Amino acid sequence: MENSSENIPTTPHFSLKKKERLCGKKEMDKLFSEGETFLFYPLKVVHTEISFQEPFLAKVGFAVSKKLFKRAVRRNLIKRRMREAYRLNKHLLTPDELSTKKAIFFIYVSKEVLSFKTIEKAMKKSLSSLAESINSVP
């Protein structure tokens, strides 16, 4: 096992707190009725602007289809991988100025369990794309 703790600082911005999670019915309804969608396989991303009091830039949610993965163990494994990929790469989302806040929902669309590397690669692409869309808004 290599010593990768030197590369990753242990600052609080690498956490994923409960307040950063998307968990209100009103927020979810607004997200899925007004949200824009794009796909970076194996992740489908739904996002929209939303207002909330917390000092975070985005509230996020993660989902894996019960129809595609019958066993909860597999669904939970994939959700853990998605959360970890987001947690480690959410710094890509931070623009220079915190002008807009987002609600983001990541949906896993692959029919097979993919490696963490593959999920992280898609997460990086989607977060970069989101950051560009946030920064391009006047």
N, C-alpha and C. Protein backbone atom coordinates (compact mmCIF):
# COMPACT_ATOMS: atom_id res chain seq x y z
N MET A 1 0.84 -1.18 0.00
CA MET A 1 0.00 0.00 0.00
C MET A 1 0.88 1.24 0.00
N GLU A 2 0.65 2.14 -0.94
CA GLU A 2 1.49 3.31 -1.01
C GLU A 2 0.98 4.40 -0.07
N ASN A 3 1.86 5.29 0.27
CA ASN A 3 1.53 6.34 1.22
C ASN A 3 0.91 7.52 0.47
N SER A 4 -0.41 7.49 0.29
CA SER A 4 -1.10 8.54 -0.45
C SER A 4 -1.65 9.62 0.48
N SER A 5 -1.41 9.50 1.77
CA SER A 5 -1.92 10.50 2.70
C SER A 5 -1.17 11.82 2.55
N GLU A 6 0.01 11.81 1.92
CA GLU A 6 0.75 13.05 1.71
C GLU A 6 0.04 13.94 0.68
N ASN A 7 -0.60 13.33 -0.31
CA ASN A 7 -1.24 14.08 -1.39
C ASN A 7 -2.58 14.67 -0.98
N ILE A 8 -3.27 14.04 -0.04
CA ILE A 8 -4.61 14.47 0.34
C ILE A 8 -4.56 15.13 1.70
N PRO A 9 -4.81 16.45 1.73
CA PRO A 9 -4.82 17.12 3.05
C PRO A 9 -6.06 16.70 3.83
N THR A 10 -5.95 16.73 5.13
CA THR A 10 -7.07 16.33 5.98
C THR A 10 -7.86 17.55 6.44
N THR A 11 -8.21 18.41 5.51
CA THR A 11 -9.00 19.59 5.84
C THR A 11 -10.48 19.26 5.76
N PRO A 12 -11.32 20.04 6.41
CA PRO A 12 -12.76 19.74 6.45
C PRO A 12 -13.46 19.73 5.11
N HIS A 13 -12.88 20.35 4.06
CA HIS A 13 -13.59 20.39 2.79
C HIS A 13 -13.62 19.04 2.08
N PHE A 14 -12.98 18.03 2.63
CA PHE A 14 -13.06 16.68 2.06
C PHE A 14 -14.16 15.85 2.72
N SER A 15 -14.96 16.49 3.54
CA SER A 15 -16.04 15.75 4.20
C SER A 15 -17.31 15.85 3.36
N LEU A 16 -18.28 15.02 3.68
CA LEU A 16 -19.60 15.08 3.04
C LEU A 16 -20.62 15.00 4.17
N LYS A 17 -20.99 16.14 4.66
CA LYS A 17 -21.87 16.21 5.83
C LYS A 17 -23.33 16.03 5.45
N LYS A 18 -24.15 15.78 6.43
CA LYS A 18 -25.59 15.59 6.23
C LYS A 18 -26.22 16.82 5.58
N LYS A 19 -25.76 18.00 5.95
CA LYS A 19 -26.32 19.24 5.40
C LYS A 19 -26.00 19.41 3.92
N GLU A 20 -25.01 18.68 3.41
CA GLU A 20 -24.67 18.73 1.99
C GLU A 20 -25.50 17.75 1.17
N ARG A 21 -26.29 16.92 1.84
CA ARG A 21 -27.09 15.91 1.14
C ARG A 21 -28.45 16.48 0.76
N LEU A 22 -28.95 16.06 -0.34
CA LEU A 22 -30.26 16.48 -0.83
C LEU A 22 -31.30 15.56 -0.23
N CYS A 23 -32.15 16.07 0.65
CA CYS A 23 -33.07 15.16 1.33
C CYS A 23 -34.44 15.75 1.63
N GLY A 24 -34.85 16.79 0.95
CA GLY A 24 -36.18 17.34 1.18
C GLY A 24 -37.10 17.05 0.00
N LYS A 25 -38.36 16.79 0.26
CA LYS A 25 -39.30 16.48 -0.81
C LYS A 25 -39.46 17.66 -1.76
N LYS A 26 -39.55 18.89 -1.22
CA LYS A 26 -39.68 20.07 -2.07
C LYS A 26 -38.46 20.25 -2.97
N GLU A 27 -37.28 20.05 -2.38
CA GLU A 27 -36.04 20.18 -3.16
C GLU A 27 -35.99 19.13 -4.27
N MET A 28 -36.37 17.90 -3.94
CA MET A 28 -36.35 16.82 -4.94
C MET A 28 -37.35 17.09 -6.06
N ASP A 29 -38.57 17.51 -5.68
CA ASP A 29 -39.60 17.80 -6.68
C ASP A 29 -39.13 18.90 -7.63
N LYS A 30 -38.55 19.96 -7.08
CA LYS A 30 -38.06 21.06 -7.91
C LYS A 30 -36.94 20.57 -8.83
N LEU A 31 -36.06 19.76 -8.30
CA LEU A 31 -34.93 19.26 -9.08
C LEU A 31 -35.41 18.44 -10.27
N PHE A 32 -36.33 17.51 -10.05
CA PHE A 32 -36.74 16.63 -11.13
C PHE A 32 -37.77 17.27 -12.07
N SER A 33 -38.45 18.33 -11.63
CA SER A 33 -39.39 18.99 -12.54
C SER A 33 -38.71 20.08 -13.38
N GLU A 34 -37.74 20.80 -12.80
CA GLU A 34 -37.10 21.91 -13.49
C GLU A 34 -35.67 21.64 -13.91
N GLY A 35 -35.10 20.53 -13.48
CA GLY A 35 -33.68 20.30 -13.66
C GLY A 35 -33.26 19.97 -15.08
N GLU A 36 -32.00 20.26 -15.36
CA GLU A 36 -31.37 19.90 -16.62
C GLU A 36 -30.62 18.59 -16.42
N THR A 37 -30.48 17.82 -17.50
CA THR A 37 -29.87 16.50 -17.41
C THR A 37 -28.75 16.36 -18.42
N PHE A 38 -27.69 15.67 -18.02
CA PHE A 38 -26.66 15.24 -18.97
C PHE A 38 -26.10 13.92 -18.50
N LEU A 39 -25.34 13.26 -19.36
CA LEU A 39 -24.86 11.91 -19.08
C LEU A 39 -23.36 11.83 -19.30
N PHE A 40 -22.65 11.34 -18.31
CA PHE A 40 -21.26 10.92 -18.43
C PHE A 40 -21.25 9.49 -17.92
N TYR A 41 -21.31 8.54 -18.84
CA TYR A 41 -21.47 7.14 -18.48
C TYR A 41 -20.46 6.73 -17.43
N PRO A 42 -20.87 6.10 -16.37
CA PRO A 42 -22.13 5.49 -16.01
C PRO A 42 -23.04 6.38 -15.16
N LEU A 43 -22.80 7.70 -15.16
CA LEU A 43 -23.59 8.59 -14.31
C LEU A 43 -24.49 9.50 -15.13
N LYS A 44 -25.74 9.54 -14.76
CA LYS A 44 -26.68 10.52 -15.29
C LYS A 44 -26.79 11.60 -14.22
N VAL A 45 -26.66 12.84 -14.63
CA VAL A 45 -26.63 13.95 -13.68
C VAL A 45 -27.82 14.86 -13.94
N VAL A 46 -28.59 15.12 -12.89
CA VAL A 46 -29.71 16.06 -12.94
C VAL A 46 -29.34 17.21 -12.02
N HIS A 47 -29.45 18.45 -12.52
CA HIS A 47 -29.07 19.59 -11.67
C HIS A 47 -29.97 20.78 -11.95
N THR A 48 -30.10 21.62 -10.95
CA THR A 48 -30.84 22.87 -11.06
C THR A 48 -30.36 23.83 -9.98
N GLU A 49 -30.68 25.10 -10.16
CA GLU A 49 -30.35 26.09 -9.14
C GLU A 49 -31.37 25.99 -8.02
N ILE A 50 -30.90 26.19 -6.81
CA ILE A 50 -31.77 26.08 -5.64
C ILE A 50 -31.21 27.02 -4.57
N SER A 51 -32.04 27.45 -3.66
CA SER A 51 -31.55 28.31 -2.58
C SER A 51 -31.66 27.58 -1.25
N PHE A 52 -30.61 27.70 -0.45
CA PHE A 52 -30.59 27.13 0.89
C PHE A 52 -29.59 27.91 1.73
N GLN A 53 -29.70 27.79 3.05
CA GLN A 53 -28.93 28.61 3.98
C GLN A 53 -27.50 28.12 4.24
N GLU A 54 -27.26 26.83 4.06
CA GLU A 54 -25.95 26.27 4.40
C GLU A 54 -24.85 26.90 3.55
N PRO A 55 -23.61 26.92 4.05
CA PRO A 55 -22.52 27.57 3.33
C PRO A 55 -21.92 26.74 2.18
N PHE A 56 -22.56 25.65 1.80
CA PHE A 56 -22.03 24.80 0.75
C PHE A 56 -22.50 25.28 -0.61
N LEU A 57 -21.77 24.90 -1.64
CA LEU A 57 -22.13 25.29 -2.99
C LEU A 57 -23.24 24.42 -3.57
N ALA A 58 -23.31 23.17 -3.13
CA ALA A 58 -24.29 22.25 -3.71
C ALA A 58 -24.81 21.27 -2.68
N LYS A 59 -26.04 20.81 -2.93
CA LYS A 59 -26.61 19.70 -2.19
C LYS A 59 -26.70 18.55 -3.18
N VAL A 60 -26.29 17.36 -2.76
CA VAL A 60 -26.22 16.24 -3.69
C VAL A 60 -27.01 15.04 -3.19
N GLY A 61 -27.42 14.23 -4.15
CA GLY A 61 -28.09 12.97 -3.87
C GLY A 61 -27.57 11.91 -4.82
N PHE A 62 -27.71 10.65 -4.42
CA PHE A 62 -27.19 9.54 -5.21
C PHE A 62 -28.25 8.45 -5.28
N ALA A 63 -28.37 7.81 -6.45
CA ALA A 63 -29.37 6.75 -6.61
C ALA A 63 -28.85 5.65 -7.52
N VAL A 64 -29.29 4.42 -7.20
CA VAL A 64 -29.00 3.25 -8.01
C VAL A 64 -30.32 2.51 -8.18
N SER A 65 -30.63 2.10 -9.39
CA SER A 65 -31.91 1.47 -9.69
C SER A 65 -32.06 0.10 -9.02
N LYS A 66 -33.20 -0.07 -8.37
CA LYS A 66 -33.52 -1.35 -7.76
C LYS A 66 -33.87 -2.38 -8.84
N LYS A 67 -34.34 -1.89 -9.96
CA LYS A 67 -34.68 -2.78 -11.08
C LYS A 67 -33.42 -3.41 -11.68
N LEU A 68 -32.33 -2.63 -11.75
CA LEU A 68 -31.08 -3.14 -12.32
C LEU A 68 -30.27 -3.97 -11.33
N PHE A 69 -30.33 -3.59 -10.04
CA PHE A 69 -29.57 -4.28 -9.00
C PHE A 69 -30.52 -4.71 -7.90
N LYS A 70 -30.94 -5.96 -7.95
CA LYS A 70 -31.93 -6.48 -7.01
C LYS A 70 -31.39 -6.51 -5.57
N ARG A 71 -30.12 -6.85 -5.44
CA ARG A 71 -29.52 -7.01 -4.11
C ARG A 71 -29.08 -5.66 -3.55
N ALA A 72 -29.50 -5.36 -2.32
CA ALA A 72 -29.16 -4.09 -1.68
C ALA A 72 -27.66 -3.95 -1.48
N VAL A 73 -26.96 -5.06 -1.32
CA VAL A 73 -25.51 -5.03 -1.11
C VAL A 73 -24.83 -4.37 -2.31
N ARG A 74 -25.26 -4.74 -3.51
CA ARG A 74 -24.68 -4.17 -4.73
C ARG A 74 -25.03 -2.69 -4.87
N ARG A 75 -26.30 -2.35 -4.61
CA ARG A 75 -26.72 -0.95 -4.70
C ARG A 75 -25.94 -0.08 -3.72
N ASN A 76 -25.78 -0.57 -2.51
CA ASN A 76 -25.05 0.19 -1.50
C ASN A 76 -23.57 0.34 -1.85
N LEU A 77 -22.98 -0.69 -2.45
CA LEU A 77 -21.59 -0.63 -2.88
C LEU A 77 -21.41 0.47 -3.92
N ILE A 78 -22.31 0.52 -4.88
CA ILE A 78 -22.22 1.53 -5.93
C ILE A 78 -22.44 2.92 -5.37
N LYS A 79 -23.41 3.08 -4.47
CA LYS A 79 -23.65 4.39 -3.86
C LYS A 79 -22.45 4.84 -3.03
N ARG A 80 -21.82 3.91 -2.32
CA ARG A 80 -20.61 4.26 -1.56
C ARG A 80 -19.52 4.76 -2.50
N ARG A 81 -19.35 4.08 -3.62
CA ARG A 81 -18.33 4.50 -4.59
C ARG A 81 -18.65 5.88 -5.17
N MET A 82 -19.92 6.15 -5.46
CA MET A 82 -20.30 7.46 -5.99
C MET A 82 -20.08 8.55 -4.95
N ARG A 83 -20.47 8.30 -3.71
CA ARG A 83 -20.28 9.30 -2.65
C ARG A 83 -18.80 9.59 -2.43
N GLU A 84 -18.00 8.55 -2.43
CA GLU A 84 -16.56 8.73 -2.22
C GLU A 84 -15.94 9.52 -3.38
N ALA A 85 -16.34 9.20 -4.60
CA ALA A 85 -15.82 9.94 -5.76
C ALA A 85 -16.22 11.41 -5.68
N TYR A 86 -17.45 11.68 -5.27
CA TYR A 86 -17.89 13.06 -5.12
C TYR A 86 -17.12 13.76 -4.00
N ARG A 87 -17.00 13.09 -2.88
CA ARG A 87 -16.34 13.68 -1.71
C ARG A 87 -14.90 14.09 -2.03
N LEU A 88 -14.19 13.24 -2.77
CA LEU A 88 -12.80 13.51 -3.09
C LEU A 88 -12.62 14.55 -4.19
N ASN A 89 -13.66 14.76 -5.01
CA ASN A 89 -13.51 15.65 -6.17
C ASN A 89 -14.45 16.84 -6.16
N LYS A 90 -15.15 17.09 -5.08
CA LYS A 90 -16.10 18.19 -5.07
C LYS A 90 -15.42 19.55 -5.15
N HIS A 91 -14.12 19.60 -4.89
CA HIS A 91 -13.38 20.85 -5.03
C HIS A 91 -13.38 21.35 -6.47
N LEU A 92 -13.61 20.46 -7.45
CA LEU A 92 -13.69 20.86 -8.86
C LEU A 92 -14.92 21.73 -9.11
N LEU A 93 -15.91 21.62 -8.29
CA LEU A 93 -17.17 22.33 -8.45
C LEU A 93 -17.10 23.76 -7.95
N THR A 94 -16.16 24.07 -7.10
CA THR A 94 -16.11 25.38 -6.47
C THR A 94 -15.65 26.44 -7.45
N PRO A 95 -16.53 27.37 -7.82
CA PRO A 95 -16.11 28.47 -8.68
C PRO A 95 -15.45 29.58 -7.88
N ASP A 96 -15.00 30.61 -8.57
CA ASP A 96 -14.33 31.72 -7.89
C ASP A 96 -15.27 32.46 -6.95
N GLU A 97 -16.49 32.63 -7.37
CA GLU A 97 -17.47 33.31 -6.52
C GLU A 97 -18.69 32.42 -6.34
N LEU A 98 -19.23 32.41 -5.15
CA LEU A 98 -20.37 31.56 -4.85
C LEU A 98 -21.68 32.26 -5.21
N SER A 99 -21.90 32.44 -6.50
CA SER A 99 -23.08 33.19 -6.94
C SER A 99 -24.33 32.31 -6.99
N THR A 100 -24.20 31.08 -7.44
CA THR A 100 -25.36 30.21 -7.54
C THR A 100 -25.14 28.95 -6.72
N LYS A 101 -26.21 28.45 -6.14
CA LYS A 101 -26.16 27.19 -5.41
C LYS A 101 -26.94 26.17 -6.22
N LYS A 102 -26.49 24.92 -6.19
CA LYS A 102 -27.07 23.88 -7.02
C LYS A 102 -27.60 22.72 -6.19
N ALA A 103 -28.63 22.09 -6.76
CA ALA A 103 -29.07 20.79 -6.29
C ALA A 103 -28.65 19.82 -7.38
N ILE A 104 -27.92 18.78 -7.01
CA ILE A 104 -27.38 17.84 -7.99
C ILE A 104 -27.76 16.43 -7.57
N PHE A 105 -28.18 15.63 -8.54
CA PHE A 105 -28.54 14.25 -8.27
C PHE A 105 -27.80 13.36 -9.26
N PHE A 106 -27.05 12.39 -8.76
CA PHE A 106 -26.30 11.46 -9.58
C PHE A 106 -27.04 10.13 -9.62
N ILE A 107 -27.37 9.67 -10.83
CA ILE A 107 -28.08 8.40 -11.00
C ILE A 107 -27.16 7.44 -11.76
N TYR A 108 -26.96 6.27 -11.20
CA TYR A 108 -26.10 5.26 -11.80
C TYR A 108 -26.90 4.51 -12.86
N VAL A 109 -26.44 4.49 -14.12
CA VAL A 109 -27.23 3.91 -15.20
C VAL A 109 -26.63 2.63 -15.81
N SER A 110 -25.45 2.24 -15.40
CA SER A 110 -24.85 1.02 -15.94
C SER A 110 -25.57 -0.22 -15.41
N LYS A 111 -25.52 -1.29 -16.18
CA LYS A 111 -26.16 -2.53 -15.77
C LYS A 111 -25.21 -3.46 -15.02
N GLU A 112 -23.97 -3.03 -14.86
CA GLU A 112 -23.00 -3.84 -14.14
C GLU A 112 -22.24 -2.98 -13.13
N VAL A 113 -21.68 -3.61 -12.13
CA VAL A 113 -20.91 -2.91 -11.11
C VAL A 113 -19.55 -2.56 -11.69
N LEU A 114 -19.28 -1.27 -11.81
CA LEU A 114 -18.01 -0.81 -12.37
C LEU A 114 -17.05 -0.42 -11.26
N SER A 115 -15.78 -0.36 -11.60
CA SER A 115 -14.75 -0.06 -10.60
C SER A 115 -14.85 1.38 -10.12
N PHE A 116 -14.22 1.63 -8.98
CA PHE A 116 -14.20 2.98 -8.42
C PHE A 116 -13.52 3.95 -9.39
N LYS A 117 -12.46 3.50 -10.06
CA LYS A 117 -11.74 4.35 -11.01
C LYS A 117 -12.64 4.86 -12.12
N THR A 118 -13.47 3.98 -12.65
CA THR A 118 -14.39 4.35 -13.73
C THR A 118 -15.43 5.34 -13.23
N ILE A 119 -15.97 5.08 -12.05
CA ILE A 119 -16.97 5.98 -11.47
C ILE A 119 -16.34 7.34 -11.16
N GLU A 120 -15.13 7.33 -10.63
CA GLU A 120 -14.45 8.58 -10.29
C GLU A 120 -14.15 9.40 -11.54
N LYS A 121 -13.76 8.74 -12.61
CA LYS A 121 -13.48 9.43 -13.87
C LYS A 121 -14.74 10.14 -14.38
N ALA A 122 -15.88 9.45 -14.36
CA ALA A 122 -17.14 10.05 -14.78
C ALA A 122 -17.54 11.19 -13.84
N MET A 123 -17.30 11.02 -12.55
CA MET A 123 -17.62 12.05 -11.57
C MET A 123 -16.80 13.31 -11.83
N LYS A 124 -15.51 13.15 -12.11
CA LYS A 124 -14.65 14.30 -12.40
C LYS A 124 -15.15 15.05 -13.63
N LYS A 125 -15.52 14.31 -14.68
CA LYS A 125 -16.01 14.95 -15.90
C LYS A 125 -17.30 15.70 -15.63
N SER A 126 -18.21 15.08 -14.88
CA SER A 126 -19.49 15.73 -14.62
C SER A 126 -19.33 16.97 -13.73
N LEU A 127 -18.46 16.90 -12.72
CA LEU A 127 -18.23 18.05 -11.86
C LEU A 127 -17.55 19.19 -12.61
N SER A 128 -16.63 18.85 -13.52
CA SER A 128 -16.00 19.88 -14.34
C SER A 128 -17.02 20.56 -15.25
N SER A 129 -17.90 19.76 -15.82
CA SER A 129 -18.94 20.30 -16.67
C SER A 129 -19.88 21.22 -15.89
N LEU A 130 -20.25 20.79 -14.68
CA LEU A 130 -21.10 21.62 -13.82
C LEU A 130 -20.40 22.92 -13.43
N ALA A 131 -19.11 22.83 -13.13
CA ALA A 131 -18.35 24.04 -12.75
C ALA A 131 -18.33 25.03 -13.91
N GLU A 132 -18.16 24.54 -15.13
CA GLU A 132 -18.17 25.41 -16.29
C GLU A 132 -19.54 26.08 -16.45
N SER A 133 -20.61 25.33 -16.23
CA SER A 133 -21.94 25.91 -16.38
C SER A 133 -22.21 26.94 -15.27
N ILE A 134 -21.69 26.72 -14.07
CA ILE A 134 -21.87 27.68 -12.98
C ILE A 134 -21.08 28.95 -13.28
N ASN A 135 -19.83 28.79 -13.75
CA ASN A 135 -18.98 29.95 -14.02
C ASN A 135 -19.44 30.74 -15.22
N SER A 136 -20.12 30.12 -16.18
CA SER A 136 -20.56 30.82 -17.38
C SER A 136 -21.83 31.65 -17.14
N VAL A 137 -22.54 31.39 -16.05
CA VAL A 137 -23.76 32.16 -15.74
C VAL A 137 -23.33 33.56 -15.27
N PRO A 138 -23.91 34.63 -15.86
CA PRO A 138 -23.49 35.99 -15.46
C PRO A 138 -23.98 36.36 -14.08
